[in-house]
């Protein structure tokens, strides 16, 4: 015969086993879910495509001598 041990004095492992036995199986998941959207991922547009400068050219080639 098993010796009676109060729940408060049981080890964590024993408490987990008892809790798992008492817990039922959910037919519907209790986790709140958000419905997926059909929208594509939003990509932020750059505010200034070209700021009037062309940085691809070296500085010396822009000056006229």
PDB file of N, CA and C in Angstrom:
ATOM      1  N   UNK A   1       0.829  -1.182   0.000  1.00  0.00           N
ATOM      2  CA  UNK A   1       0.000   0.000   0.000  1.00  0.00           C
ATOM      3  C   UNK A   1       0.874   1.246   0.000  1.00  0.00           C
ATOM      4  N   UNK A   2       0.466   2.255  -0.796  1.00  0.00           N
ATOM      5  CA  UNK A   2       1.260   3.478  -0.871  1.00  0.00           C
ATOM      6  C   UNK A   2       1.047   4.307   0.384  1.00  0.00           C
ATOM      7  N   UNK A   3       2.111   4.952   0.765  1.00  0.00           N
ATOM      8  CA  UNK A   3       2.048   5.838   1.922  1.00  0.00           C
ATOM      9  C   UNK A   3       1.467   7.178   1.470  1.00  0.00           C
ATOM     10  N   UNK A   4       0.556   7.749   2.232  1.00  0.00           N
ATOM     11  CA  UNK A   4      -0.062   9.022   1.872  1.00  0.00           C
ATOM     12  C   UNK A   4       0.900  10.165   2.163  1.00  0.00           C
ATOM     13  N   UNK A   5       1.120  10.985   1.150  1.00  0.00           N
ATOM     14  CA  UNK A   5       1.953  12.185   1.291  1.00  0.00           C
ATOM     15  C   UNK A   5       1.109  13.365   0.841  1.00  0.00           C
ATOM     16  N   UNK A   6       0.980  14.405   1.677  1.00  0.00           N
ATOM     17  CA  UNK A   6       0.196  15.572   1.265  1.00  0.00           C
ATOM     18  C   UNK A   6       0.771  16.200  -0.010  1.00  0.00           C
ATOM     19  N   UNK A   7      -0.109  16.784  -0.797  1.00  0.00           N
ATOM     20  CA  UNK A   7       0.286  17.387  -2.067  1.00  0.00           C
ATOM     21  C   UNK A   7       1.354  18.460  -1.860  1.00  0.00           C
ATOM     22  N   UNK A   8       1.213  19.248  -0.823  1.00  0.00           N
ATOM     23  CA  UNK A   8       2.158  20.350  -0.570  1.00  0.00           C
ATOM     24  C   UNK A   8       3.573  19.836  -0.302  1.00  0.00           C
ATOM     25  N   UNK A   9       3.693  18.600   0.215  1.00  0.00           N
ATOM     26  CA  UNK A   9       5.011  18.072   0.566  1.00  0.00           C
ATOM     27  C   UNK A   9       5.611  17.192  -0.526  1.00  0.00           C
ATOM     28  N   UNK A  10       4.898  17.000  -1.605  1.00  0.00           N
ATOM     29  CA  UNK A  10       5.410  16.172  -2.698  1.00  0.00           C
ATOM     30  C   UNK A  10       6.496  16.918  -3.467  1.00  0.00           C
ATOM     31  N   UNK A  11       7.311  16.158  -4.181  1.00  0.00           N
ATOM     32  CA  UNK A  11       8.342  16.771  -5.014  1.00  0.00           C
ATOM     33  C   UNK A  11       7.684  17.355  -6.259  1.00  0.00           C
ATOM     34  N   UNK A  12       8.418  18.215  -6.952  1.00  0.00           N
ATOM     35  CA  UNK A  12       7.884  18.839  -8.165  1.00  0.00           C
ATOM     36  C   UNK A  12       7.519  17.774  -9.205  1.00  0.00           C
ATOM     37  N   UNK A  13       8.366  16.769  -9.332  1.00  0.00           N
ATOM     38  CA  UNK A  13       8.138  15.723 -10.313  1.00  0.00           C
ATOM     39  C   UNK A  13       6.832  14.986 -10.028  1.00  0.00           C
ATOM     40  N   UNK A  14       6.594  14.651  -8.774  1.00  0.00           N
ATOM     41  CA  UNK A  14       5.363  13.958  -8.403  1.00  0.00           C
ATOM     42  C   UNK A  14       4.142  14.853  -8.621  1.00  0.00           C
ATOM     43  N   UNK A  15       4.273  16.138  -8.290  1.00  0.00           N
ATOM     44  CA  UNK A  15       3.162  17.070  -8.505  1.00  0.00           C
ATOM     45  C   UNK A  15       2.815  17.168  -9.989  1.00  0.00           C
ATOM     46  N   UNK A  16       3.834  17.215 -10.837  1.00  0.00           N
ATOM     47  CA  UNK A  16       3.592  17.301 -12.282  1.00  0.00           C
ATOM     48  C   UNK A  16       2.863  16.074 -12.797  1.00  0.00           C
ATOM     49  N   UNK A  17       3.251  14.878 -12.285  1.00  0.00           N
ATOM     50  CA  UNK A  17       2.597  13.649 -12.713  1.00  0.00           C
ATOM     51  C   UNK A  17       1.115  13.659 -12.329  1.00  0.00           C
ATOM     52  N   UNK A  18       0.824  14.062 -11.109  1.00  0.00           N
ATOM     53  CA  UNK A  18      -0.562  14.119 -10.645  1.00  0.00           C
ATOM     54  C   UNK A  18      -1.354  15.143 -11.450  1.00  0.00           C
ATOM     55  N   UNK A  19      -0.762  16.313 -11.677  1.00  0.00           N
ATOM     56  CA  UNK A  19      -1.443  17.365 -12.443  1.00  0.00           C
ATOM     57  C   UNK A  19      -1.728  16.901 -13.874  1.00  0.00           C
ATOM     58  N   UNK A  20      -0.770  16.167 -14.466  1.00  0.00           N
ATOM     59  CA  UNK A  20      -0.955  15.684 -15.834  1.00  0.00           C
ATOM     60  C   UNK A  20      -2.094  14.674 -15.904  1.00  0.00           C
ATOM     61  N   UNK A  21      -2.252  13.845 -14.881  1.00  0.00           N
ATOM     62  CA  UNK A  21      -3.335  12.867 -14.851  1.00  0.00           C
ATOM     63  C   UNK A  21      -4.684  13.559 -14.705  1.00  0.00           C
ATOM     64  N   UNK A  22      -4.747  14.610 -13.909  1.00  0.00           N
ATOM     65  CA  UNK A  22      -6.003  15.311 -13.673  1.00  0.00           C
ATOM     66  C   UNK A  22      -6.405  16.179 -14.847  1.00  0.00           C
ATOM     67  N   UNK A  23      -5.434  16.610 -15.613  1.00  0.00           N
ATOM     68  CA  UNK A  23      -5.706  17.488 -16.744  1.00  0.00           C
ATOM     69  C   UNK A  23      -6.346  16.687 -17.868  1.00  0.00           C
ATOM     70  N   UNK A  24      -7.389  17.192 -18.436  1.00  0.00           N
ATOM     71  CA  UNK A  24      -8.073  16.496 -19.523  1.00  0.00           C
ATOM     72  C   UNK A  24      -7.523  16.911 -20.867  1.00  0.00           C
ATOM     73  N   UNK A  25      -7.982  16.252 -21.905  1.00  0.00           N
ATOM     74  CA  UNK A  25      -7.573  16.592 -23.264  1.00  0.00           C
ATOM     75  C   UNK A  25      -8.588  17.575 -23.819  1.00  0.00           C
ATOM     76  N   UNK A  26      -8.090  18.650 -24.370  1.00  0.00           N
ATOM     77  CA  UNK A  26      -8.967  19.685 -24.925  1.00  0.00           C
ATOM     78  C   UNK A  26      -9.390  19.271 -26.326  1.00  0.00           C
ATOM     79  N   UNK A  27     -10.677  19.363 -26.606  1.00  0.00           N
ATOM     80  CA  UNK A  27     -11.128  19.119 -27.968  1.00  0.00           C
ATOM     81  C   UNK A  27     -10.855  20.340 -28.835  1.00  0.00           C
ATOM     82  N   UNK A  28     -10.845  21.494 -28.219  1.00  0.00           N
ATOM     83  CA  UNK A  28     -10.557  22.745 -28.897  1.00  0.00           C
ATOM     84  C   UNK A  28      -9.417  23.410 -28.157  1.00  0.00           C
ATOM     85  N   UNK A  29      -8.421  23.863 -28.862  1.00  0.00           N
ATOM     86  CA  UNK A  29      -7.269  24.479 -28.223  1.00  0.00           C
ATOM     87  C   UNK A  29      -7.664  25.781 -27.526  1.00  0.00           C
ATOM     88  N   UNK A  30      -7.301  25.961 -26.251  1.00  0.00           N
ATOM     89  CA  UNK A  30      -7.679  27.176 -25.536  1.00  0.00           C
ATOM     90  C   UNK A  30      -6.825  28.392 -25.888  1.00  0.00           C
ATOM     91  N   UNK A  31      -5.825  28.199 -26.728  1.00  0.00           N
ATOM     92  CA  UNK A  31      -4.931  29.290 -27.087  1.00  0.00           C
ATOM     93  C   UNK A  31      -5.649  30.244 -28.032  1.00  0.00           C
ATOM     94  N   UNK A  32      -5.573  31.526 -27.756  1.00  0.00           N
ATOM     95  CA  UNK A  32      -6.194  32.527 -28.611  1.00  0.00           C
ATOM     96  C   UNK A  32      -5.385  32.637 -29.898  1.00  0.00           C
ATOM     97  N   UNK A  33      -6.074  32.573 -31.007  1.00  0.00           N
ATOM     98  CA  UNK A  33      -5.387  32.633 -32.281  1.00  0.00           C
ATOM     99  C   UNK A  33      -5.943  33.782 -33.109  1.00  0.00           C
ATOM    100  N   UNK A  34      -5.121  34.290 -34.006  1.00  0.00           N
ATOM    101  CA  UNK A  34      -5.530  35.377 -34.901  1.00  0.00           C
ATOM    102  C   UNK A  34      -5.624  34.793 -36.297  1.00  0.00           C
ATOM    103  N   UNK A  35      -6.690  35.094 -36.986  1.00  0.00           N
ATOM    104  CA  UNK A  35      -6.867  34.610 -38.350  1.00  0.00           C
ATOM    105  C   UNK A  35      -5.817  35.241 -39.252  1.00  0.00           C
ATOM    106  N   UNK A  36      -5.285  34.435 -40.149  1.00  0.00           N
ATOM    107  CA  UNK A  36      -4.280  34.927 -41.077  1.00  0.00           C
ATOM    108  C   UNK A  36      -4.892  35.889 -42.079  1.00  0.00           C
ATOM    109  N   UNK A  37      -4.097  36.822 -42.559  1.00  0.00           N
ATOM    110  CA  UNK A  37      -4.597  37.793 -43.524  1.00  0.00           C
ATOM    111  C   UNK A  37      -4.060  37.457 -44.909  1.00  0.00           C
ATOM    112  N   UNK A  38      -4.764  37.913 -45.920  1.00  0.00           N
ATOM    113  CA  UNK A  38      -4.347  37.682 -47.295  1.00  0.00           C
ATOM    114  C   UNK A  38      -3.383  38.766 -47.776  1.00  0.00           C
ATOM    115  N   UNK A  39      -3.181  39.773 -46.945  1.00  0.00           N
ATOM    116  CA  UNK A  39      -2.319  40.874 -47.351  1.00  0.00           C
ATOM    117  C   UNK A  39      -0.875  40.411 -47.418  1.00  0.00           C
ATOM    118  N   UNK A  40      -0.154  40.976 -48.367  1.00  0.00           N
ATOM    119  CA  UNK A  40       1.265  40.679 -48.455  1.00  0.00           C
ATOM    120  C   UNK A  40       2.001  41.469 -47.394  1.00  0.00           C
ATOM    121  N   UNK A  41       3.196  41.037 -47.112  1.00  0.00           N
ATOM    122  CA  UNK A  41       4.001  41.719 -46.101  1.00  0.00           C
ATOM    123  C   UNK A  41       4.255  43.163 -46.519  1.00  0.00           C
ATOM    124  N   UNK A  42       3.983  44.092 -45.617  1.00  0.00           N
ATOM    125  CA  UNK A  42       4.151  45.515 -45.906  1.00  0.00           C
ATOM    126  C   UNK A  42       5.620  45.878 -45.872  1.00  0.00           C
ATOM    127  N   UNK A  43       6.104  46.499 -46.931  1.00  0.00           N
ATOM    128  CA  UNK A  43       7.484  46.993 -46.947  1.00  0.00           C
ATOM    129  C   UNK A  43       7.422  48.502 -47.034  1.00  0.00           C
ATOM    130  N   UNK A  44       8.099  49.143 -46.128  1.00  0.00           N
ATOM    131  CA  UNK A  44       8.084  50.600 -46.065  1.00  0.00           C
ATOM    132  C   UNK A  44       8.888  51.171 -47.230  1.00  0.00           C
ATOM    133  N   UNK A  45       8.292  52.157 -47.892  1.00  0.00           N
ATOM    134  CA  UNK A  45       8.974  52.801 -49.003  1.00  0.00           C
ATOM    135  C   UNK A  45       9.974  53.820 -48.470  1.00  0.00           C
ATOM    136  N   UNK A  46      11.073  53.959 -49.195  1.00  0.00           N
ATOM    137  CA  UNK A  46      12.047  54.966 -48.799  1.00  0.00           C
ATOM    138  C   UNK A  46      11.483  56.336 -49.102  1.00  0.00           C
ATOM    139  N   UNK A  47      11.708  57.276 -48.215  1.00  0.00           N
ATOM    140  CA  UNK A  47      11.142  58.618 -48.385  1.00  0.00           C
ATOM    141  C   UNK A  47      11.812  59.364 -49.532  1.00  0.00           C
ATOM    142  N   UNK A  48      13.116  59.245 -49.623  1.00  0.00           N
ATOM    143  CA  UNK A  48      13.862  59.989 -50.637  1.00  0.00           C
ATOM    144  C   UNK A  48      14.651  58.989 -51.467  1.00  0.00           C
ATOM    145  N   UNK A  49      14.178  58.757 -52.658  1.00  0.00           N
ATOM    146  CA  UNK A  49      14.882  57.796 -53.504  1.00  0.00           C
ATOM    147  C   UNK A  49      16.262  58.325 -53.857  1.00  0.00           C
ATOM    148  N   UNK A  50      16.301  59.481 -54.424  1.00  0.00           N
ATOM    149  CA  UNK A  50      17.565  60.138 -54.735  1.00  0.00           C
ATOM    150  C   UNK A  50      17.504  61.519 -54.115  1.00  0.00           C
ATOM    151  N   UNK A  51      18.472  61.825 -53.331  1.00  0.00           N
ATOM    152  CA  UNK A  51      18.454  63.116 -52.658  1.00  0.00           C
ATOM    153  C   UNK A  51      19.082  64.208 -53.518  1.00  0.00           C
ATOM    154  N   UNK A  52      19.231  63.957 -54.827  1.00  0.00           N
ATOM    155  CA  UNK A  52      19.810  64.960 -55.714  1.00  0.00           C
ATOM    156  C   UNK A  52      21.301  64.760 -55.897  1.00  0.00           C
ATOM    157  N   UNK A  53      21.865  63.841 -55.168  1.00  0.00           N
ATOM    158  CA  UNK A  53      23.299  63.573 -55.281  1.00  0.00           C
ATOM    159  C   UNK A  53      23.505  62.206 -55.885  1.00  0.00           C
ATOM    160  N   UNK A  54      24.550  62.051 -56.627  1.00  0.00           N
ATOM    161  CA  UNK A  54      24.907  60.746 -57.164  1.00  0.00           C
ATOM    162  C   UNK A  54      26.198  60.329 -56.476  1.00  0.00           C
ATOM    163  N   UNK A  55      26.071  59.473 -55.494  1.00  0.00           N
ATOM    164  CA  UNK A  55      27.238  59.072 -54.706  1.00  0.00           C
ATOM    165  C   UNK A  55      28.085  58.002 -55.401  1.00  0.00           C
ATOM    166  N   UNK A  56      27.667  57.557 -56.561  1.00  0.00           N
ATOM    167  CA  UNK A  56      28.427  56.516 -57.242  1.00  0.00           C
ATOM    168  C   UNK A  56      29.699  57.066 -57.884  1.00  0.00           C
ATOM    169  N   UNK A  57      29.739  58.372 -58.159  1.00  0.00           N
ATOM    170  CA  UNK A  57      30.923  58.966 -58.779  1.00  0.00           C
ATOM    171  C   UNK A  57      31.879  59.483 -57.712  1.00  0.00           C
ATOM    172  N   UNK A  58      33.173  59.343 -57.942  1.00  0.00           N
ATOM    173  CA  UNK A  58      34.129  59.903 -56.990  1.00  0.00           C
ATOM    174  C   UNK A  58      34.046  61.428 -56.990  1.00  0.00           C
ATOM    175  N   UNK A  59      34.477  62.044 -55.943  1.00  0.00           N
ATOM    176  CA  UNK A  59      34.374  63.479 -55.752  1.00  0.00           C
ATOM    177  C   UNK A  59      35.155  64.261 -56.787  1.00  0.00           C
ATOM    178  N   UNK A  60      36.323  63.778 -57.185  1.00  0.00           N
ATOM    179  CA  UNK A  60      37.183  64.496 -58.120  1.00  0.00           C
ATOM    180  C   UNK A  60      36.569  64.579 -59.518  1.00  0.00           C
ATOM    181  N   UNK A  61      35.794  63.618 -59.935  1.00  0.00           N
ATOM    182  CA  UNK A  61      35.279  63.621 -61.287  1.00  0.00           C
ATOM    183  C   UNK A  61      34.122  64.622 -61.453  1.00  0.00           C
ATOM    184  N   UNK A  62      33.564  65.130 -60.370  1.00  0.00           N
ATOM    185  CA  UNK A  62      32.461  66.077 -60.455  1.00  0.00           C
ATOM    186  C   UNK A  62      32.941  67.500 -60.686  1.00  0.00           C
ATOM    187  N   UNK A  63      34.159  67.767 -60.332  1.00  0.00           N
ATOM    188  CA  UNK A  63      34.648  69.144 -60.464  1.00  0.00           C
ATOM    189  C   UNK A  63      35.257  69.375 -61.835  1.00  0.00           C
ATOM    190  N   UNK A  64      35.040  70.535 -62.383  1.00  0.00           N
ATOM    191  CA  UNK A  64      35.623  70.901 -63.671  1.00  0.00           C
ATOM    192  C   UNK A  64      36.803  71.832 -63.433  1.00  0.00           C
ATOM    193  N   UNK A  65      37.910  71.481 -64.033  1.00  0.00           N
ATOM    194  CA  UNK A  65      39.094  72.319 -63.857  1.00  0.00           C
ATOM    195  C   UNK A  65      39.499  72.952 -65.156  1.00  0.00           C
TER     196      UNK A  65
END
